Amino acid sequence: MLQVKRERIIASAALGALSILLATGCSASISASRVAEESSKMLTSELGQEPDDLTCDEGLPAEVGAEIRCVIEIDGETIDATVTVTEVDGNEVQWEIRTEAP
């Protein structure tokens, strides 16, 4: 059963994208804690289940193609993920989170 949940995470997270506005006057990156918080909300919306924890190693540069590593904990499993910026339009940054195959 856990494998099914992992497959759902992989399929759903790969399809999800998140858009966030950068505050005027701040550096062109989003803090690791903000990326984790917003990505967790996205996964909860996509899966109907909130991750137990989601942490990211570093802030996310607001540049298309920029990537950071994150770790998702759900139902006692730890799953590695990559967050990638897909679009930057002025102060708006969109990214997707993809889990890695087991």
C-alpha atoms as a PDB file:
ATOM      1  CA  MET A   1       0.000   0.000   0.000  1.00  0.00           C
ATOM      2  CA  LEU A   2       2.842   2.385   0.721  1.00  0.00           C
ATOM      3  CA  GLN A   3       4.136   1.873  -2.807  1.00  0.00           C
ATOM      4  CA  VAL A   4       0.791   3.049  -4.196  1.00  0.00           C
ATOM      5  CA  LYS A   5       1.002   6.223  -2.150  1.00  0.00           C
ATOM      6  CA  ARG A   6       4.554   6.848  -3.370  1.00  0.00           C
ATOM      7  CA  GLU A   7       3.362   6.422  -6.976  1.00  0.00           C
ATOM      8  CA  ARG A   8       0.570   8.908  -6.328  1.00  0.00           C
ATOM      9  CA  ILE A   9       3.093  11.389  -4.978  1.00  0.00           C
ATOM     10  CA  ILE A  10       5.344  10.946  -7.995  1.00  0.00           C
ATOM     11  CA  ALA A  11       2.499  11.342 -10.477  1.00  0.00           C
ATOM     12  CA  SER A  12       0.760  14.218  -8.758  1.00  0.00           C
ATOM     13  CA  ALA A  13       3.789  16.213  -7.714  1.00  0.00           C
ATOM     14  CA  ALA A  14       5.197  16.114 -11.213  1.00  0.00           C
ATOM     15  CA  LEU A  15       2.043  17.801 -12.471  1.00  0.00           C
ATOM     16  CA  GLY A  16       1.751  20.450  -9.807  1.00  0.00           C
ATOM     17  CA  ALA A  17       3.157  23.937 -10.115  1.00  0.00           C
ATOM     18  CA  LEU A  18       3.113  26.808  -7.697  1.00  0.00           C
ATOM     19  CA  SER A  19       3.192  30.535  -8.291  1.00  0.00           C
ATOM     20  CA  ILE A  20       4.400  32.980  -5.684  1.00  0.00           C
ATOM     21  CA  LEU A  21       5.037  36.700  -5.683  1.00  0.00           C
ATOM     22  CA  LEU A  22       8.390  38.045  -4.614  1.00  0.00           C
ATOM     23  CA  ALA A  23       8.214  40.986  -2.238  1.00  0.00           C
ATOM     24  CA  THR A  24       9.412  44.208  -3.786  1.00  0.00           C
ATOM     25  CA  GLY A  25      12.906  45.130  -2.673  1.00  0.00           C
ATOM     26  CA  CYS A  26      13.958  41.637  -1.612  1.00  0.00           C
ATOM     27  CA  SER A  27      16.658  39.580  -3.244  1.00  0.00           C
ATOM     28  CA  ALA A  28      15.641  37.531  -6.252  1.00  0.00           C
ATOM     29  CA  SER A  29      15.188  34.295  -4.325  1.00  0.00           C
ATOM     30  CA  ILE A  30      12.623  32.586  -2.163  1.00  0.00           C
ATOM     31  CA  SER A  31      13.705  31.315   1.248  1.00  0.00           C
ATOM     32  CA  ALA A  32      14.000  27.571   1.824  1.00  0.00           C
ATOM     33  CA  SER A  33      11.316  27.714   4.520  1.00  0.00           C
ATOM     34  CA  ARG A  34       8.882  29.544   2.204  1.00  0.00           C
ATOM     35  CA  VAL A  35       9.502  27.074  -0.643  1.00  0.00           C
ATOM     36  CA  ALA A  36       8.895  24.172   1.765  1.00  0.00           C
ATOM     37  CA  GLU A  37       5.740  25.744   3.195  1.00  0.00           C
ATOM     38  CA  GLU A  38       4.196  26.557  -0.181  1.00  0.00           C
ATOM     39  CA  SER A  39       5.246  23.238  -1.759  1.00  0.00           C
ATOM     40  CA  SER A  40       3.703  21.374   1.170  1.00  0.00           C
ATOM     41  CA  LYS A  41       0.428  23.225   0.575  1.00  0.00           C
ATOM     42  CA  MET A  42       0.587  22.336  -3.122  1.00  0.00           C
ATOM     43  CA  LEU A  43       1.168  18.651  -2.393  1.00  0.00           C
ATOM     44  CA  THR A  44      -1.674  18.653   0.140  1.00  0.00           C
ATOM     45  CA  SER A  45      -3.996  20.141  -2.480  1.00  0.00           C
ATOM     46  CA  GLU A  46      -2.828  17.716  -5.172  1.00  0.00           C
ATOM     47  CA  LEU A  47      -2.861  14.568  -3.018  1.00  0.00           C
ATOM     48  CA  GLY A  48      -5.506  15.324  -0.438  1.00  0.00           C
ATOM     49  CA  GLN A  49      -2.941  14.421   2.226  1.00  0.00           C
ATOM     50  CA  GLU A  50      -0.546  16.727   4.028  1.00  0.00           C
ATOM     51  CA  PRO A  51       3.108  15.623   4.146  1.00  0.00           C
ATOM     52  CA  ASP A  52       4.366  14.996   7.682  1.00  0.00           C
ATOM     53  CA  ASP A  53       7.319  17.250   6.859  1.00  0.00           C
ATOM     54  CA  LEU A  54       8.871  18.944   3.859  1.00  0.00           C
ATOM     55  CA  THR A  55      12.272  20.624   4.101  1.00  0.00           C
ATOM     56  CA  CYS A  56      14.531  22.217   1.520  1.00  0.00           C
ATOM     57  CA  ASP A  57      18.305  22.643   1.742  1.00  0.00           C
ATOM     58  CA  GLU A  58      18.483  26.201   0.448  1.00  0.00           C
ATOM     59  CA  GLY A  59      16.560  29.129  -0.968  1.00  0.00           C
ATOM     60  CA  LEU A  60      15.235  29.006  -4.528  1.00  0.00           C
ATOM     61  CA  PRO A  61      16.771  31.520  -6.957  1.00  0.00           C
ATOM     62  CA  ALA A  62      14.150  33.293  -9.061  1.00  0.00           C
ATOM     63  CA  GLU A  63      15.656  32.113 -12.357  1.00  0.00           C
ATOM     64  CA  VAL A  64      14.034  29.750 -14.852  1.00  0.00           C
ATOM     65  CA  GLY A  65      15.680  26.347 -14.554  1.00  0.00           C
ATOM     66  CA  ALA A  66      17.054  26.938 -11.033  1.00  0.00           C
ATOM     67  CA  GLU A  67      16.768  23.812  -8.880  1.00  0.00           C
ATOM     68  CA  ILE A  68      17.025  22.942  -5.205  1.00  0.00           C
ATOM     69  CA  ARG A  69      16.755  19.659  -3.313  1.00  0.00           C
ATOM     70  CA  CYS A  70      13.990  18.977  -0.812  1.00  0.00           C
ATOM     71  CA  VAL A  71      12.953  16.029   1.339  1.00  0.00           C
ATOM     72  CA  ILE A  72       9.338  14.973   1.865  1.00  0.00           C
ATOM     73  CA  GLU A  73       8.296  12.794   4.776  1.00  0.00           C
ATOM     74  CA  ILE A  74       4.934  11.105   4.452  1.00  0.00           C
ATOM     75  CA  ASP A  75       3.564   8.041   6.244  1.00  0.00           C
ATOM     76  CA  GLY A  76       6.991   7.248   7.687  1.00  0.00           C
ATOM     77  CA  GLU A  77       8.702   7.316   4.273  1.00  0.00           C
ATOM     78  CA  THR A  78      11.372   9.802   3.231  1.00  0.00           C
ATOM     79  CA  ILE A  79      11.238  10.837  -0.419  1.00  0.00           C
ATOM     80  CA  ASP A  80      13.790  13.039  -2.188  1.00  0.00           C
ATOM     81  CA  ALA A  81      12.423  15.766  -4.436  1.00  0.00           C
ATOM     82  CA  THR A  82      13.654  18.479  -6.762  1.00  0.00           C
ATOM     83  CA  VAL A  83      12.036  21.911  -6.964  1.00  0.00           C
ATOM     84  CA  THR A  84      12.550  23.628 -10.331  1.00  0.00           C
ATOM     85  CA  VAL A  85      11.616  27.167 -11.340  1.00  0.00           C
ATOM     86  CA  THR A  86       9.469  26.963 -14.470  1.00  0.00           C
ATOM     87  CA  GLU A  87       8.602  30.627 -15.044  1.00  0.00           C
ATOM     88  CA  VAL A  88       9.533  34.082 -13.796  1.00  0.00           C
ATOM     89  CA  ASP A  89       7.329  37.004 -14.783  1.00  0.00           C
ATOM     90  CA  GLY A  90       8.298  40.206 -12.995  1.00  0.00           C
ATOM     91  CA  ASN A  91       7.798  39.488  -9.296  1.00  0.00           C
ATOM     92  CA  GLU A  92       5.894  36.244  -9.902  1.00  0.00           C
ATOM     93  CA  VAL A  93       7.790  32.939  -9.702  1.00  0.00           C
ATOM     94  CA  GLN A  94       6.337  29.557 -10.623  1.00  0.00           C
ATOM     95  CA  TRP A  95       7.901  26.223  -9.750  1.00  0.00           C
ATOM     96  CA  GLU A  96       7.157  22.539  -9.761  1.00  0.00           C
ATOM     97  CA  ILE A  97       8.184  19.835  -7.365  1.00  0.00           C
ATOM     98  CA  ARG A  98       9.115  16.395  -8.654  1.00  0.00           C
ATOM     99  CA  THR A  99       9.723  13.404  -6.470  1.00  0.00           C
ATOM    100  CA  GLU A 100      12.432  10.989  -7.428  1.00  0.00           C
ATOM    101  CA  ALA A 101      11.751   7.374  -8.329  1.00  0.00           C
ATOM    102  CA  PRO A 102      12.283   4.910  -5.489  1.00  0.00           C
END
